[in-house]
C-alpha atoms as a PDB file:
ATOM      1  CA  UNK A   1     -21.160 -11.127   9.533  1.00  0.00           C
ATOM      2  CA  UNK A   2     -20.711 -10.133   5.912  1.00  0.00           C
ATOM      3  CA  UNK A   3     -22.313  -6.855   4.973  1.00  0.00           C
ATOM      4  CA  UNK A   4     -22.170  -4.755   1.886  1.00  0.00           C
ATOM      5  CA  UNK A   5     -22.980  -1.062   1.899  1.00  0.00           C
ATOM      6  CA  UNK A   6     -23.121   1.353  -0.975  1.00  0.00           C
ATOM      7  CA  UNK A   7     -22.507   4.982  -0.094  1.00  0.00           C
ATOM      8  CA  UNK A   8     -24.229   5.034   3.310  1.00  0.00           C
ATOM      9  CA  UNK A   9     -22.580   7.352   5.849  1.00  0.00           C
ATOM     10  CA  UNK A  10     -20.901   5.463   8.688  1.00  0.00           C
ATOM     11  CA  UNK A  11     -22.919   7.395  11.282  1.00  0.00           C
ATOM     12  CA  UNK A  12     -26.184   6.179   9.744  1.00  0.00           C
ATOM     13  CA  UNK A  13     -24.913   2.621   9.759  1.00  0.00           C
ATOM     14  CA  UNK A  14     -23.690   2.934  13.359  1.00  0.00           C
ATOM     15  CA  UNK A  15     -27.052   4.322  14.520  1.00  0.00           C
ATOM     16  CA  UNK A  16     -28.898   1.486  12.797  1.00  0.00           C
ATOM     17  CA  UNK A  17     -26.873  -1.105  14.681  1.00  0.00           C
ATOM     18  CA  UNK A  18     -27.287   0.725  17.956  1.00  0.00           C
ATOM     19  CA  UNK A  19     -31.040   0.797  17.367  1.00  0.00           C
ATOM     20  CA  UNK A  20     -31.079  -3.015  17.223  1.00  0.00           C
ATOM     21  CA  UNK A  21     -29.410  -3.385  20.618  1.00  0.00           C
ATOM     22  CA  UNK A  22     -31.202  -0.612  22.484  1.00  0.00           C
ATOM     23  CA  UNK A  23     -34.593  -1.548  21.074  1.00  0.00           C
ATOM     24  CA  UNK A  24     -34.206  -5.062  22.517  1.00  0.00           C
ATOM     25  CA  UNK A  25     -32.718  -3.672  25.745  1.00  0.00           C
ATOM     26  CA  UNK A  26     -35.806  -1.541  26.383  1.00  0.00           C
ATOM     27  CA  UNK A  27     -38.409  -2.369  29.001  1.00  0.00           C
ATOM     28  CA  UNK A  28     -41.743  -0.764  29.852  1.00  0.00           C
ATOM     29  CA  UNK A  29     -40.107   1.023  32.792  1.00  0.00           C
ATOM     30  CA  UNK A  30     -36.894   1.933  30.978  1.00  0.00           C
ATOM     31  CA  UNK A  31     -37.377   2.552  27.232  1.00  0.00           C
ATOM     32  CA  UNK A  32     -34.334   3.289  25.036  1.00  0.00           C
ATOM     33  CA  UNK A  33     -35.388   4.319  21.557  1.00  0.00           C
ATOM     34  CA  UNK A  34     -33.164   7.289  20.647  1.00  0.00           C
ATOM     35  CA  UNK A  35     -31.590   5.332  17.755  1.00  0.00           C
ATOM     36  CA  UNK A  36     -34.883   3.825  16.540  1.00  0.00           C
ATOM     37  CA  UNK A  37     -36.725   4.905  13.422  1.00  0.00           C
ATOM     38  CA  UNK A  38     -40.416   5.719  13.593  1.00  0.00           C
ATOM     39  CA  UNK A  39     -40.871   3.763  10.364  1.00  0.00           C
ATOM     40  CA  UNK A  40     -40.356   0.401  12.127  1.00  0.00           C
ATOM     41  CA  UNK A  41     -40.300   1.086  15.889  1.00  0.00           C
ATOM     42  CA  UNK A  42     -43.637   0.241  17.505  1.00  0.00           C
ATOM     43  CA  UNK A  43     -42.774   2.269  20.595  1.00  0.00           C
ATOM     44  CA  UNK A  44     -42.197   5.477  18.607  1.00  0.00           C
ATOM     45  CA  UNK A  45     -45.364   4.859  16.589  1.00  0.00           C
ATOM     46  CA  UNK A  46     -47.358   4.353  19.787  1.00  0.00           C
ATOM     47  CA  UNK A  47     -45.837   7.476  21.336  1.00  0.00           C
ATOM     48  CA  UNK A  48     -46.754   9.507  18.253  1.00  0.00           C
ATOM     49  CA  UNK A  49     -50.339   8.151  18.333  1.00  0.00           C
ATOM     50  CA  UNK A  50     -50.656   8.589  22.117  1.00  0.00           C
ATOM     51  CA  UNK A  51     -51.248   4.863  22.639  1.00  0.00           C
ATOM     52  CA  UNK A  52     -49.701   2.343  25.020  1.00  0.00           C
ATOM     53  CA  UNK A  53     -46.833   0.109  23.971  1.00  0.00           C
ATOM     54  CA  UNK A  54     -45.739  -3.126  25.642  1.00  0.00           C
ATOM     55  CA  UNK A  55     -42.049  -4.056  25.365  1.00  0.00           C
ATOM     56  CA  UNK A  56     -42.561  -7.467  26.968  1.00  0.00           C
ATOM     57  CA  UNK A  57     -43.175  -9.573  23.806  1.00  0.00           C
ATOM     58  CA  UNK A  58     -39.908  -8.622  22.084  1.00  0.00           C
ATOM     59  CA  UNK A  59     -37.583  -7.559  24.899  1.00  0.00           C
ATOM     60  CA  UNK A  60     -34.741  -9.745  26.076  1.00  0.00           C
ATOM     61  CA  UNK A  61     -33.754 -10.106  29.743  1.00  0.00           C
ATOM     62  CA  UNK A  62     -31.237  -7.508  30.892  1.00  0.00           C
ATOM     63  CA  UNK A  63     -28.802 -10.218  32.023  1.00  0.00           C
ATOM     64  CA  UNK A  64     -28.734 -11.592  28.468  1.00  0.00           C
ATOM     65  CA  UNK A  65     -28.367  -8.136  26.953  1.00  0.00           C
ATOM     66  CA  UNK A  66     -25.540  -7.275  29.363  1.00  0.00           C
ATOM     67  CA  UNK A  67     -23.685 -10.413  28.245  1.00  0.00           C
ATOM     68  CA  UNK A  68     -24.245  -9.609  24.574  1.00  0.00           C
ATOM     69  CA  UNK A  69     -23.193  -5.953  24.866  1.00  0.00           C
ATOM     70  CA  UNK A  70     -19.364  -6.341  24.723  1.00  0.00           C
ATOM     71  CA  UNK A  71     -19.506  -8.550  21.630  1.00  0.00           C
ATOM     72  CA  UNK A  72     -22.127  -6.323  20.036  1.00  0.00           C
ATOM     73  CA  UNK A  73     -20.039  -3.218  20.733  1.00  0.00           C
ATOM     74  CA  UNK A  74     -16.982  -4.846  19.194  1.00  0.00           C
ATOM     75  CA  UNK A  75     -18.797  -5.981  16.060  1.00  0.00           C
ATOM     76  CA  UNK A  76     -20.649  -2.691  15.661  1.00  0.00           C
ATOM     77  CA  UNK A  77     -17.858  -0.310  16.571  1.00  0.00           C
ATOM     78  CA  UNK A  78     -17.207   2.504  14.148  1.00  0.00           C
ATOM     79  CA  UNK A  79     -13.795   0.936  13.510  1.00  0.00           C
ATOM     80  CA  UNK A  80     -15.395  -2.383  12.473  1.00  0.00           C
ATOM     81  CA  UNK A  81     -18.054  -0.656  10.422  1.00  0.00           C
ATOM     82  CA  UNK A  82     -15.404   1.313   8.529  1.00  0.00           C
ATOM     83  CA  UNK A  83     -14.376  -1.999   6.973  1.00  0.00           C
ATOM     84  CA  UNK A  84     -17.749  -2.409   5.250  1.00  0.00           C
ATOM     85  CA  UNK A  85     -18.426   1.043   3.842  1.00  0.00           C
ATOM     86  CA  UNK A  86     -18.265   1.714   0.115  1.00  0.00           C
ATOM     87  CA  UNK A  87     -19.338  -1.797  -0.854  1.00  0.00           C
ATOM     88  CA  UNK A  88     -16.472  -3.696   0.743  1.00  0.00           C
ATOM     89  CA  UNK A  89     -16.949  -6.614   3.121  1.00  0.00           C
ATOM     90  CA  UNK A  90     -15.897  -6.994   6.711  1.00  0.00           C
ATOM     91  CA  UNK A  91     -13.908 -10.122   6.005  1.00  0.00           C
ATOM     92  CA  UNK A  92     -13.600 -11.625   2.556  1.00  0.00           C
ATOM     93  CA  UNK A  93     -12.613 -15.008   4.002  1.00  0.00           C
ATOM     94  CA  UNK A  94     -15.801 -15.466   6.020  1.00  0.00           C
ATOM     95  CA  UNK A  95     -17.869 -16.801   3.128  1.00  0.00           C
ATOM     96  CA  UNK A  96     -15.115 -19.253   2.204  1.00  0.00           C
ATOM     97  CA  UNK A  97     -14.663 -20.430   5.792  1.00  0.00           C
ATOM     98  CA  UNK A  98     -18.410 -20.812   6.165  1.00  0.00           C
ATOM     99  CA  UNK A  99     -18.472 -23.197   3.197  1.00  0.00           C
ATOM    100  CA  UNK A 100     -15.696 -25.319   4.684  1.00  0.00           C
ATOM    101  CA  UNK A 101     -17.207 -25.507   8.160  1.00  0.00           C
ATOM    102  CA  UNK A 102     -20.657 -26.285   6.764  1.00  0.00           C
ATOM    103  CA  UNK A 103     -19.274 -29.393   5.102  1.00  0.00           C
ATOM    104  CA  UNK A 104     -16.790 -30.284   7.847  1.00  0.00           C
ATOM    105  CA  UNK A 105     -18.085 -28.773  11.122  1.00  0.00           C
ATOM    106  CA  UNK A 106     -15.553 -27.800  13.767  1.00  0.00           C
ATOM    107  CA  UNK A 107     -17.647 -29.288  16.563  1.00  0.00           C
ATOM    108  CA  UNK A 108     -17.737 -32.771  14.990  1.00  0.00           C
ATOM    109  CA  UNK A 109     -14.775 -35.049  14.503  1.00  0.00           C
ATOM    110  CA  UNK A 110     -13.899 -35.603  10.859  1.00  0.00           C
ATOM    111  CA  UNK A 111     -10.960 -37.200   9.110  1.00  0.00           C
ATOM    112  CA  UNK A 112      -8.258 -35.375   7.230  1.00  0.00           C
ATOM    113  CA  UNK A 113      -9.702 -36.775   3.999  1.00  0.00           C
ATOM    114  CA  UNK A 114     -13.157 -35.326   4.789  1.00  0.00           C
ATOM    115  CA  UNK A 115     -11.620 -31.967   5.620  1.00  0.00           C
ATOM    116  CA  UNK A 116      -9.547 -31.954   2.411  1.00  0.00           C
ATOM    117  CA  UNK A 117     -12.635 -32.791   0.333  1.00  0.00           C
ATOM    118  CA  UNK A 118     -14.546 -29.993   2.092  1.00  0.00           C
ATOM    119  CA  UNK A 119     -11.701 -27.583   1.276  1.00  0.00           C
ATOM    120  CA  UNK A 120     -11.607 -28.604  -2.391  1.00  0.00           C
ATOM    121  CA  UNK A 121     -15.387 -28.287  -2.715  1.00  0.00           C
ATOM    122  CA  UNK A 122     -15.329 -24.928  -0.957  1.00  0.00           C
ATOM    123  CA  UNK A 123     -12.656 -23.611  -3.342  1.00  0.00           C
ATOM    124  CA  UNK A 124     -14.694 -24.756  -6.335  1.00  0.00           C
ATOM    125  CA  UNK A 125     -17.962 -23.308  -5.009  1.00  0.00           C
ATOM    126  CA  UNK A 126     -16.321 -20.075  -3.861  1.00  0.00           C
ATOM    127  CA  UNK A 127     -14.598 -19.488  -7.210  1.00  0.00           C
ATOM    128  CA  UNK A 128     -17.240 -20.741  -9.654  1.00  0.00           C
ATOM    129  CA  UNK A 129     -20.457 -21.238  -7.678  1.00  0.00           C
ATOM    130  CA  UNK A 130     -22.503 -24.405  -7.387  1.00  0.00           C
ATOM    131  CA  UNK A 131     -22.710 -24.548 -11.180  1.00  0.00           C
ATOM    132  CA  UNK A 132     -19.156 -25.933 -11.239  1.00  0.00           C
ATOM    133  CA  UNK A 133     -20.189 -28.914  -9.116  1.00  0.00           C
ATOM    134  CA  UNK A 134     -22.835 -29.866 -11.672  1.00  0.00           C
ATOM    135  CA  UNK A 135     -20.260 -29.657 -14.459  1.00  0.00           C
ATOM    136  CA  UNK A 136     -17.847 -31.829 -12.437  1.00  0.00           C
ATOM    137  CA  UNK A 137     -20.588 -34.442 -11.940  1.00  0.00           C
ATOM    138  CA  UNK A 138     -21.397 -34.489 -15.696  1.00  0.00           C
ATOM    139  CA  UNK A 139     -17.767 -35.379 -16.503  1.00  0.00           C
ATOM    140  CA  UNK A 140     -18.005 -38.661 -14.542  1.00  0.00           C
END
């Protein structure tokens, strides 16, 4: 996850992430919308307008949400979020690694040559963008 934030307080960012989880965790019998914003939350809009709201279409099963929770908490902890405030990124290497693994997926067997080519292409794309690949092709 690569995020960039410009001058947003960490508490606002934290609450936004919590809203994602708890909104999906909610059921008709057990709503959890304290982090939600009335601007986008259908439940809060319905509550304000005194109308019924059905969580069923967008809710995820509790067993799934319980499995997701530890990973979600780790990724959205205030400590993790501190790494992305003030316009920085969580991990500068993620974009580079993503390029490599897109061209040479971890889950598929590939030769050392294929991996080396993927690394060279990723370096070129990461440093100069896809424009560089067009220039390289024109030289041939």
